[in-house]
């Protein structure tokens, strides 16, 4: 049972992030036929990133989104940029080989570098502030030590 019926429209849901947007950009609806090397379907973080990566390499790309760019889950996150995983590199090593775990860890950190570079390259005004605090993990670690 839903507490509130879902609203189907092109506007973002009511969140702090939607309320503090600098404005909405409207893109034309695809009409008729277009030619491209690649068509990316879905304008969330992955779709936009894929389209941009390909366009930067010279491909003609069409990006299709049913609502607005970032309308779904991508537009409803807290905007954090974290390169790691919700586990340690050692824990990854329990499920993967050492080389695989290192590769995954490095890929996560490289993703942060790519975002940082794009903010500079495209002069994105995004109120970027680096840093994070893993409070829940810290509290659990303290409680665990107290229980021993």
C-alpha atoms as a PDB file:
ATOM      1  CA  UNK A   1       0.000   0.000   0.000  1.00  0.00           C
ATOM      2  CA  UNK A   2       1.330   3.419  -0.947  1.00  0.00           C
ATOM      3  CA  UNK A   3       1.044   6.293   1.492  1.00  0.00           C
ATOM      4  CA  UNK A   4       0.705   8.696  -1.397  1.00  0.00           C
ATOM      5  CA  UNK A   5      -0.250   7.947  -4.983  1.00  0.00           C
ATOM      6  CA  UNK A   6       2.643   8.390  -7.412  1.00  0.00           C
ATOM      7  CA  UNK A   7       2.477  11.439  -9.612  1.00  0.00           C
ATOM      8  CA  UNK A   8       3.317  10.895 -13.259  1.00  0.00           C
ATOM      9  CA  UNK A   9       4.643  14.087 -14.776  1.00  0.00           C
ATOM     10  CA  UNK A  10       7.817  15.591 -16.163  1.00  0.00           C
ATOM     11  CA  UNK A  11       8.700  17.564 -13.041  1.00  0.00           C
ATOM     12  CA  UNK A  12      11.116  16.422 -10.369  1.00  0.00           C
ATOM     13  CA  UNK A  13       9.690  15.233  -7.090  1.00  0.00           C
ATOM     14  CA  UNK A  14       9.673  17.666  -4.189  1.00  0.00           C
ATOM     15  CA  UNK A  15      13.158  17.415  -2.723  1.00  0.00           C
ATOM     16  CA  UNK A  16      15.708  19.895  -1.436  1.00  0.00           C
ATOM     17  CA  UNK A  17      17.789  19.281  -4.552  1.00  0.00           C
ATOM     18  CA  UNK A  18      14.905  19.944  -6.935  1.00  0.00           C
ATOM     19  CA  UNK A  19      13.922  23.062  -4.981  1.00  0.00           C
ATOM     20  CA  UNK A  20      17.453  24.510  -5.179  1.00  0.00           C
ATOM     21  CA  UNK A  21      18.018  23.890  -8.894  1.00  0.00           C
ATOM     22  CA  UNK A  22      19.290  26.925 -10.731  1.00  0.00           C
ATOM     23  CA  UNK A  23      16.547  26.459 -13.290  1.00  0.00           C
ATOM     24  CA  UNK A  24      15.206  23.830 -15.619  1.00  0.00           C
ATOM     25  CA  UNK A  25      16.623  23.278 -19.062  1.00  0.00           C
ATOM     26  CA  UNK A  26      14.132  22.063 -21.621  1.00  0.00           C
ATOM     27  CA  UNK A  27      15.200  19.945 -24.551  1.00  0.00           C
ATOM     28  CA  UNK A  28      13.183  19.361 -27.713  1.00  0.00           C
ATOM     29  CA  UNK A  29      11.175  16.204 -28.135  1.00  0.00           C
ATOM     30  CA  UNK A  30      12.521  13.837 -30.764  1.00  0.00           C
ATOM     31  CA  UNK A  31      10.361  14.280 -33.852  1.00  0.00           C
ATOM     32  CA  UNK A  32      10.760  12.460 -37.117  1.00  0.00           C
ATOM     33  CA  UNK A  33      13.983  10.663 -37.897  1.00  0.00           C
ATOM     34  CA  UNK A  34      17.489  11.383 -36.671  1.00  0.00           C
ATOM     35  CA  UNK A  35      20.751   9.660 -37.436  1.00  0.00           C
ATOM     36  CA  UNK A  36      23.381   8.875 -34.838  1.00  0.00           C
ATOM     37  CA  UNK A  37      26.206   6.471 -34.208  1.00  0.00           C
ATOM     38  CA  UNK A  38      24.733   5.576 -30.816  1.00  0.00           C
ATOM     39  CA  UNK A  39      21.373   6.081 -29.137  1.00  0.00           C
ATOM     40  CA  UNK A  40      21.495   6.098 -25.330  1.00  0.00           C
ATOM     41  CA  UNK A  41      18.157   5.470 -23.642  1.00  0.00           C
ATOM     42  CA  UNK A  42      17.794   6.923 -20.164  1.00  0.00           C
ATOM     43  CA  UNK A  43      19.038  10.278 -18.904  1.00  0.00           C
ATOM     44  CA  UNK A  44      20.160   9.277 -15.435  1.00  0.00           C
ATOM     45  CA  UNK A  45      23.772   9.369 -14.234  1.00  0.00           C
ATOM     46  CA  UNK A  46      24.784   6.319 -16.262  1.00  0.00           C
ATOM     47  CA  UNK A  47      23.018   7.392 -19.446  1.00  0.00           C
ATOM     48  CA  UNK A  48      24.308  10.961 -19.364  1.00  0.00           C
ATOM     49  CA  UNK A  49      27.824   9.781 -18.552  1.00  0.00           C
ATOM     50  CA  UNK A  50      27.753   7.222 -21.366  1.00  0.00           C
ATOM     51  CA  UNK A  51      26.473   9.788 -23.870  1.00  0.00           C
ATOM     52  CA  UNK A  52      29.110  12.324 -22.812  1.00  0.00           C
ATOM     53  CA  UNK A  53      31.965   9.777 -22.941  1.00  0.00           C
ATOM     54  CA  UNK A  54      30.963   8.821 -26.481  1.00  0.00           C
ATOM     55  CA  UNK A  55      30.437  12.420 -27.648  1.00  0.00           C
ATOM     56  CA  UNK A  56      33.852  13.404 -26.271  1.00  0.00           C
ATOM     57  CA  UNK A  57      35.324  10.671 -28.468  1.00  0.00           C
ATOM     58  CA  UNK A  58      33.664  12.021 -31.596  1.00  0.00           C
ATOM     59  CA  UNK A  59      30.563   9.853 -31.824  1.00  0.00           C
ATOM     60  CA  UNK A  60      27.252  11.418 -32.823  1.00  0.00           C
ATOM     61  CA  UNK A  61      25.004  10.546 -29.889  1.00  0.00           C
ATOM     62  CA  UNK A  62      21.292  10.894 -29.265  1.00  0.00           C
ATOM     63  CA  UNK A  63      20.214  10.724 -25.627  1.00  0.00           C
ATOM     64  CA  UNK A  64      16.559   9.825 -25.054  1.00  0.00           C
ATOM     65  CA  UNK A  65      14.805  10.416 -21.725  1.00  0.00           C
ATOM     66  CA  UNK A  66      11.078   9.950 -21.113  1.00  0.00           C
ATOM     67  CA  UNK A  67      10.845  12.758 -18.546  1.00  0.00           C
ATOM     68  CA  UNK A  68      13.658  15.162 -17.619  1.00  0.00           C
ATOM     69  CA  UNK A  69      17.381  14.504 -17.385  1.00  0.00           C
ATOM     70  CA  UNK A  70      18.019  13.126 -13.899  1.00  0.00           C
ATOM     71  CA  UNK A  71      14.299  12.745 -13.221  1.00  0.00           C
ATOM     72  CA  UNK A  72      14.433   9.254 -11.711  1.00  0.00           C
ATOM     73  CA  UNK A  73      16.668   7.911  -8.985  1.00  0.00           C
ATOM     74  CA  UNK A  74      19.694   9.855 -10.280  1.00  0.00           C
ATOM     75  CA  UNK A  75      17.935  13.114  -9.499  1.00  0.00           C
ATOM     76  CA  UNK A  76      16.844  11.983  -6.058  1.00  0.00           C
ATOM     77  CA  UNK A  77      20.147  11.117  -4.473  1.00  0.00           C
ATOM     78  CA  UNK A  78      22.068  13.307  -2.072  1.00  0.00           C
ATOM     79  CA  UNK A  79      24.668  14.264  -4.650  1.00  0.00           C
ATOM     80  CA  UNK A  80      27.530  12.502  -2.875  1.00  0.00           C
ATOM     81  CA  UNK A  81      30.655  11.628  -4.811  1.00  0.00           C
ATOM     82  CA  UNK A  82      32.240   8.605  -3.167  1.00  0.00           C
ATOM     83  CA  UNK A  83      34.761   6.431  -4.922  1.00  0.00           C
ATOM     84  CA  UNK A  84      34.700   3.394  -2.715  1.00  0.00           C
ATOM     85  CA  UNK A  85      32.167   0.757  -1.882  1.00  0.00           C
ATOM     86  CA  UNK A  86      30.020   0.202   1.163  1.00  0.00           C
ATOM     87  CA  UNK A  87      32.660  -2.245   2.301  1.00  0.00           C
ATOM     88  CA  UNK A  88      36.421  -2.290   2.740  1.00  0.00           C
ATOM     89  CA  UNK A  89      38.971  -3.358   0.166  1.00  0.00           C
ATOM     90  CA  UNK A  90      39.744  -6.338   2.427  1.00  0.00           C
ATOM     91  CA  UNK A  91      36.097  -7.419   2.382  1.00  0.00           C
ATOM     92  CA  UNK A  92      36.061  -7.168  -1.409  1.00  0.00           C
ATOM     93  CA  UNK A  93      39.149  -9.372  -1.374  1.00  0.00           C
ATOM     94  CA  UNK A  94      37.152 -12.112   0.324  1.00  0.00           C
ATOM     95  CA  UNK A  95      34.814 -12.344  -2.681  1.00  0.00           C
ATOM     96  CA  UNK A  96      37.269 -11.495  -5.450  1.00  0.00           C
ATOM     97  CA  UNK A  97      40.882 -12.181  -6.201  1.00  0.00           C
ATOM     98  CA  UNK A  98      43.320  -9.601  -4.872  1.00  0.00           C
ATOM     99  CA  UNK A  99      43.843  -8.188  -8.373  1.00  0.00           C
ATOM    100  CA  UNK A 100      40.067  -7.981  -9.024  1.00  0.00           C
ATOM    101  CA  UNK A 101      39.441  -6.249  -5.694  1.00  0.00           C
ATOM    102  CA  UNK A 102      42.226  -3.727  -6.370  1.00  0.00           C
ATOM    103  CA  UNK A 103      40.845  -3.089  -9.868  1.00  0.00           C
ATOM    104  CA  UNK A 104      37.319  -2.429  -8.538  1.00  0.00           C
ATOM    105  CA  UNK A 105      38.680  -0.140  -5.819  1.00  0.00           C
ATOM    106  CA  UNK A 106      40.802   1.809  -8.343  1.00  0.00           C
ATOM    107  CA  UNK A 107      37.841   2.122 -10.746  1.00  0.00           C
ATOM    108  CA  UNK A 108      35.764   3.709  -7.963  1.00  0.00           C
ATOM    109  CA  UNK A 109      38.509   6.235  -7.251  1.00  0.00           C
ATOM    110  CA  UNK A 110      38.971   6.923 -10.958  1.00  0.00           C
ATOM    111  CA  UNK A 111      35.247   7.733 -11.199  1.00  0.00           C
ATOM    112  CA  UNK A 112      35.756  10.521  -8.645  1.00  0.00           C
ATOM    113  CA  UNK A 113      38.660  11.889 -10.728  1.00  0.00           C
ATOM    114  CA  UNK A 114      36.487  11.841 -13.873  1.00  0.00           C
ATOM    115  CA  UNK A 115      33.728  13.815 -12.124  1.00  0.00           C
ATOM    116  CA  UNK A 116      36.248  16.329 -10.784  1.00  0.00           C
ATOM    117  CA  UNK A 117      37.745  16.791 -14.267  1.00  0.00           C
ATOM    118  CA  UNK A 118      34.319  17.257 -15.883  1.00  0.00           C
ATOM    119  CA  UNK A 119      33.328  19.890 -13.345  1.00  0.00           C
ATOM    120  CA  UNK A 120      36.421  21.828 -14.401  1.00  0.00           C
ATOM    121  CA  UNK A 121      36.204  21.145 -18.142  1.00  0.00           C
ATOM    122  CA  UNK A 122      32.550  22.102 -18.432  1.00  0.00           C
ATOM    123  CA  UNK A 123      32.665  24.801 -15.704  1.00  0.00           C
ATOM    124  CA  UNK A 124      29.761  23.208 -13.832  1.00  0.00           C
ATOM    125  CA  UNK A 125      28.496  25.425 -11.025  1.00  0.00           C
ATOM    126  CA  UNK A 126      27.452  22.730  -8.567  1.00  0.00           C
ATOM    127  CA  UNK A 127      28.365  23.988  -5.072  1.00  0.00           C
ATOM    128  CA  UNK A 128      30.928  21.200  -4.840  1.00  0.00           C
ATOM    129  CA  UNK A 129      32.231  20.469  -1.346  1.00  0.00           C
ATOM    130  CA  UNK A 130      34.659  17.583  -0.859  1.00  0.00           C
ATOM    131  CA  UNK A 131      34.522  15.284   2.139  1.00  0.00           C
ATOM    132  CA  UNK A 132      32.212  12.822   3.812  1.00  0.00           C
ATOM    133  CA  UNK A 133      31.559  11.396   7.214  1.00  0.00           C
ATOM    134  CA  UNK A 134      30.682   7.759   7.815  1.00  0.00           C
ATOM    135  CA  UNK A 135      28.843   8.330  11.088  1.00  0.00           C
ATOM    136  CA  UNK A 136      26.692   5.216  11.078  1.00  0.00           C
ATOM    137  CA  UNK A 137      29.747   3.012  10.661  1.00  0.00           C
ATOM    138  CA  UNK A 138      31.643   4.921  13.350  1.00  0.00           C
ATOM    139  CA  UNK A 139      28.764   4.590  15.831  1.00  0.00           C
ATOM    140  CA  UNK A 140      28.448   0.850  15.135  1.00  0.00           C
ATOM    141  CA  UNK A 141      32.169   0.346  15.636  1.00  0.00           C
ATOM    142  CA  UNK A 142      32.060   2.174  18.989  1.00  0.00           C
ATOM    143  CA  UNK A 143      29.024   0.177  20.136  1.00  0.00           C
ATOM    144  CA  UNK A 144      30.649  -3.079  19.079  1.00  0.00           C
ATOM    145  CA  UNK A 145      33.797  -2.262  21.076  1.00  0.00           C
ATOM    146  CA  UNK A 146      31.711  -1.371  24.137  1.00  0.00           C
ATOM    147  CA  UNK A 147      29.923  -4.728  23.941  1.00  0.00           C
ATOM    148  CA  UNK A 148      33.220  -6.697  24.016  1.00  0.00           C
END
